């Protein structure tokens, strides 16, 4: 009788031990799952960026720069050319555009600007009441090179009081990674910028 009671006590003790072990293992698994879920939630929340546009809060998503490097590089090249070549017969407007464009490029762009200024190009724009606009047709990138090589194909329109000139513009250069800033949102710097072709396509009377 005493042996039977001891056996029952031993069985009960084993059952309690197995139950306790199961509870501990279950708690560890639950804690691990909670940690994984929490880490995933924190990671997702960090990838969310909220921006204010026209008084509305919009949600944007962060991504690896490599996913958007071609888009950003092309927009950088396009922005530079639009600023550098969009001119109106207003000295302050020209200076402002040129100033903003030179933040996006190295000394090669400053040298091109100085050459145009010394040849009275900007003075002629102002005195002749000329409006110059540019349309970037396409941009070729070679992202396998470092820095990235680009070639920009664009069309210029020079509107004068009595005529309209359309010119072809082809430039090339390289894009080097730099820190992003208020004046350089894409974090690229154009280097060794060079004009390959800039010739008249057509000239018509107005």
Protein backbone atom coordinates (compact mmCIF):
# COMPACT_ATOMS: atom_id res chain seq x y z
CA UNK A 1 0.00 0.00 0.00
CA UNK A 2 2.84 2.33 0.95
CA UNK A 3 4.68 1.44 -2.31
CA UNK A 4 1.58 2.26 -4.35
CA UNK A 5 1.30 5.69 -2.68
CA UNK A 6 4.97 6.41 -3.37
CA UNK A 7 4.47 5.42 -6.99
CA UNK A 8 1.47 7.74 -7.29
CA UNK A 9 3.42 10.61 -5.72
CA UNK A 10 6.33 10.00 -8.09
CA UNK A 11 3.95 9.96 -11.08
CA UNK A 12 2.30 13.16 -9.95
CA UNK A 13 5.70 14.80 -9.46
CA UNK A 14 6.71 13.80 -13.00
CA UNK A 15 3.46 15.16 -14.38
CA UNK A 16 3.97 18.47 -12.57
CA UNK A 17 7.57 18.64 -13.81
CA UNK A 18 6.51 17.97 -17.41
CA UNK A 19 3.74 20.55 -17.13
CA UNK A 20 6.13 23.14 -15.67
CA UNK A 21 8.66 22.42 -18.40
CA UNK A 22 5.96 22.78 -21.06
CA UNK A 23 4.86 26.12 -19.54
CA UNK A 24 8.48 27.38 -19.50
CA UNK A 25 9.09 26.31 -23.13
CA UNK A 26 5.78 27.83 -24.19
CA UNK A 27 6.64 31.10 -22.42
CA UNK A 28 10.05 31.23 -24.11
CA UNK A 29 8.51 30.59 -27.53
CA UNK A 30 5.86 33.26 -26.93
CA UNK A 31 8.48 35.76 -25.73
CA UNK A 32 10.66 35.04 -28.78
CA UNK A 33 7.71 35.49 -31.15
CA UNK A 34 6.77 38.75 -29.42
CA UNK A 35 10.33 40.04 -29.80
CA UNK A 36 10.41 39.15 -33.51
CA UNK A 37 7.04 40.82 -34.10
CA UNK A 38 8.11 43.91 -32.16
CA UNK A 39 11.37 44.20 -34.11
CA UNK A 40 9.48 43.82 -37.39
CA UNK A 41 6.98 46.52 -36.36
CA UNK A 42 9.78 48.93 -35.35
CA UNK A 43 11.60 48.30 -38.65
CA UNK A 44 8.45 48.99 -40.66
CA UNK A 45 7.70 52.16 -38.70
CA UNK A 46 11.24 53.43 -39.33
CA UNK A 47 10.74 52.98 -43.07
CA UNK A 48 7.78 55.35 -43.02
CA UNK A 49 8.43 59.00 -43.72
CA UNK A 50 5.76 61.65 -43.45
CA UNK A 51 6.02 64.79 -45.54
CA UNK A 52 3.95 67.96 -45.57
CA UNK A 53 2.81 69.01 -49.02
CA UNK A 54 0.30 71.80 -49.62
CA UNK A 55 -0.92 71.54 -46.05
CA UNK A 56 -1.52 67.77 -46.26
CA UNK A 57 0.43 65.07 -44.47
CA UNK A 58 1.51 62.38 -46.92
CA UNK A 59 3.20 59.09 -46.17
CA UNK A 60 6.35 58.16 -48.06
CA UNK A 61 8.44 55.05 -47.80
CA UNK A 62 12.20 54.85 -47.34
CA UNK A 63 14.14 52.53 -49.63
CA UNK A 64 17.69 51.59 -50.41
CA UNK A 65 19.32 54.20 -52.66
CA UNK A 66 20.44 51.48 -55.05
CA UNK A 67 16.78 50.87 -55.91
CA UNK A 68 16.36 54.46 -57.15
CA UNK A 69 19.85 55.46 -58.23
CA UNK A 70 18.96 55.70 -61.95
CA UNK A 71 15.86 57.79 -61.25
CA UNK A 72 17.71 60.16 -58.91
CA UNK A 73 20.73 60.46 -61.20
CA UNK A 74 18.59 61.32 -64.22
CA UNK A 75 16.58 63.86 -62.24
CA UNK A 76 19.80 65.45 -60.98
CA UNK A 77 21.13 65.83 -64.54
CA UNK A 78 17.76 67.13 -65.76
CA UNK A 79 17.48 69.66 -62.93
CA UNK A 80 20.98 70.96 -63.55
CA UNK A 81 20.39 71.49 -67.28
CA UNK A 82 17.01 73.15 -66.71
CA UNK A 83 18.54 75.59 -64.23
CA UNK A 84 21.66 76.30 -66.28
CA UNK A 85 19.94 76.77 -69.64
CA UNK A 86 16.60 78.35 -68.68
CA UNK A 87 17.24 82.06 -69.15
CA UNK A 88 15.08 85.14 -69.36
CA UNK A 89 15.97 88.77 -70.06
CA UNK A 90 16.32 89.46 -66.35
CA UNK A 91 19.74 89.63 -64.73
CA UNK A 92 18.49 88.62 -61.27
CA UNK A 93 16.59 85.62 -62.65
CA UNK A 94 19.68 84.49 -64.59
CA UNK A 95 21.93 84.88 -61.55
CA UNK A 96 19.50 82.93 -59.36
CA UNK A 97 19.23 80.02 -61.80
CA UNK A 98 22.97 79.86 -62.39
CA UNK A 99 23.67 80.03 -58.66
CA UNK A 100 21.33 77.08 -57.98
CA UNK A 101 22.75 75.07 -60.88
CA UNK A 102 26.36 75.49 -59.71
CA UNK A 103 25.54 73.71 -56.44
CA UNK A 104 24.90 70.61 -58.56
CA UNK A 105 28.20 70.56 -60.48
CA UNK A 106 31.93 71.08 -60.05
CA UNK A 107 34.33 73.65 -61.51
CA UNK A 108 33.66 72.46 -65.06
CA UNK A 109 30.20 74.06 -64.96
CA UNK A 110 31.59 77.24 -63.39
CA UNK A 111 34.17 77.39 -66.17
CA UNK A 112 31.43 77.06 -68.83
CA UNK A 113 29.45 79.84 -67.13
CA UNK A 114 32.50 82.11 -67.00
CA UNK A 115 33.19 81.52 -70.70
CA UNK A 116 29.59 82.39 -71.63
CA UNK A 117 29.67 85.50 -69.46
CA UNK A 118 32.98 86.69 -70.95
CA UNK A 119 31.59 86.22 -74.44
CA UNK A 120 28.64 88.51 -73.46
CA UNK A 121 26.13 85.68 -73.90
CA UNK A 122 24.03 86.72 -70.90
CA UNK A 123 24.27 90.40 -71.75
CA UNK A 124 22.94 89.61 -75.23
CA UNK A 125 20.08 87.60 -73.72
CA UNK A 126 19.09 90.63 -71.64
CA UNK A 127 19.62 93.33 -74.26
CA UNK A 128 17.94 91.27 -76.99
CA UNK A 129 14.89 90.35 -74.85
CA UNK A 130 15.55 86.66 -75.49
CA UNK A 131 13.84 83.84 -73.65
CA UNK A 132 15.77 80.57 -73.62
CA UNK A 133 14.12 77.33 -72.54
CA UNK A 134 15.29 73.73 -72.64
CA UNK A 135 13.57 70.37 -72.92
CA UNK A 136 15.56 67.32 -71.86
CA UNK A 137 14.69 64.60 -74.37
CA UNK A 138 16.63 61.68 -72.87
CA UNK A 139 19.51 60.85 -70.55
CA UNK A 140 21.82 57.88 -70.95
CA UNK A 141 23.49 56.50 -67.82
CA UNK A 142 26.26 53.96 -67.39
CA UNK A 143 25.79 52.88 -63.77
CA UNK A 144 28.48 50.23 -64.13
CA UNK A 145 31.07 53.00 -63.97
CA UNK A 146 32.09 54.83 -60.83
CA UNK A 147 31.59 57.75 -60.97
CA UNK A 148 28.47 57.26 -63.13
CA UNK A 149 28.84 58.39 -66.74
CA UNK A 150 25.93 60.28 -68.33
CA UNK A 151 25.05 61.76 -71.70
CA UNK A 152 22.18 64.24 -71.92
CA UNK A 153 20.20 64.90 -75.11
CA UNK A 154 18.13 68.09 -75.08
CA UNK A 155 16.47 70.71 -77.26
CA UNK A 156 16.84 74.46 -76.72
CA UNK A 157 14.36 77.09 -77.83
CA UNK A 158 15.50 80.71 -78.13
CA UNK A 159 12.57 83.06 -78.54
CA UNK A 160 13.59 86.47 -79.85
CA UNK A 161 11.28 89.39 -80.70
CA UNK A 162 11.43 88.53 -84.40
CA UNK A 163 12.52 84.87 -84.59
CA UNK A 164 12.45 81.45 -82.97
CA UNK A 165 15.60 79.30 -83.00
CA UNK A 166 15.60 75.61 -82.09
CA UNK A 167 18.96 74.12 -81.17
CA UNK A 168 20.22 70.63 -80.45
CA UNK A 169 22.20 70.20 -77.23
CA UNK A 170 24.23 67.15 -76.24
CA UNK A 171 26.36 67.14 -73.11
CA UNK A 172 28.23 64.54 -71.10
CA UNK A 173 29.82 64.19 -67.70
CA UNK A 174 30.12 62.07 -64.58
CA UNK A 175 28.14 61.87 -61.37
CA UNK A 176 29.95 61.52 -58.05
CA UNK A 177 28.19 60.73 -54.78
CA UNK A 178 28.25 63.53 -52.21
CA UNK A 179 26.27 64.32 -49.07
CA UNK A 180 22.69 65.44 -49.58
CA UNK A 181 21.93 69.01 -48.62
CA UNK A 182 19.27 71.66 -49.00
CA UNK A 183 20.99 72.87 -52.18
CA UNK A 184 21.71 69.35 -53.49
CA UNK A 185 18.80 67.06 -52.64
CA UNK A 186 19.94 64.14 -54.80
CA UNK A 187 23.42 63.84 -53.32
CA UNK A 188 25.24 63.86 -56.68
CA UNK A 189 27.86 66.20 -58.11
CA UNK A 190 28.36 66.59 -61.85
CA UNK A 191 32.03 66.38 -62.82
CA UNK A 192 33.93 66.94 -66.08
CA UNK A 193 30.83 68.40 -67.70
CA UNK A 194 31.32 69.00 -71.40
CA UNK A 195 29.16 70.13 -74.33
CA UNK A 196 29.50 67.72 -77.26
CA UNK A 197 27.06 69.33 -79.68
CA UNK A 198 25.10 72.59 -79.76
CA UNK A 199 23.87 73.49 -83.22
CA UNK A 200 20.84 75.07 -84.87
CA UNK A 201 18.09 72.72 -86.01
CA UNK A 202 15.81 75.42 -87.35
CA UNK A 203 15.29 79.19 -87.34
CA UNK A 204 11.90 80.67 -88.17
CA UNK A 205 10.37 84.13 -88.18
CA UNK A 206 7.71 85.09 -85.67
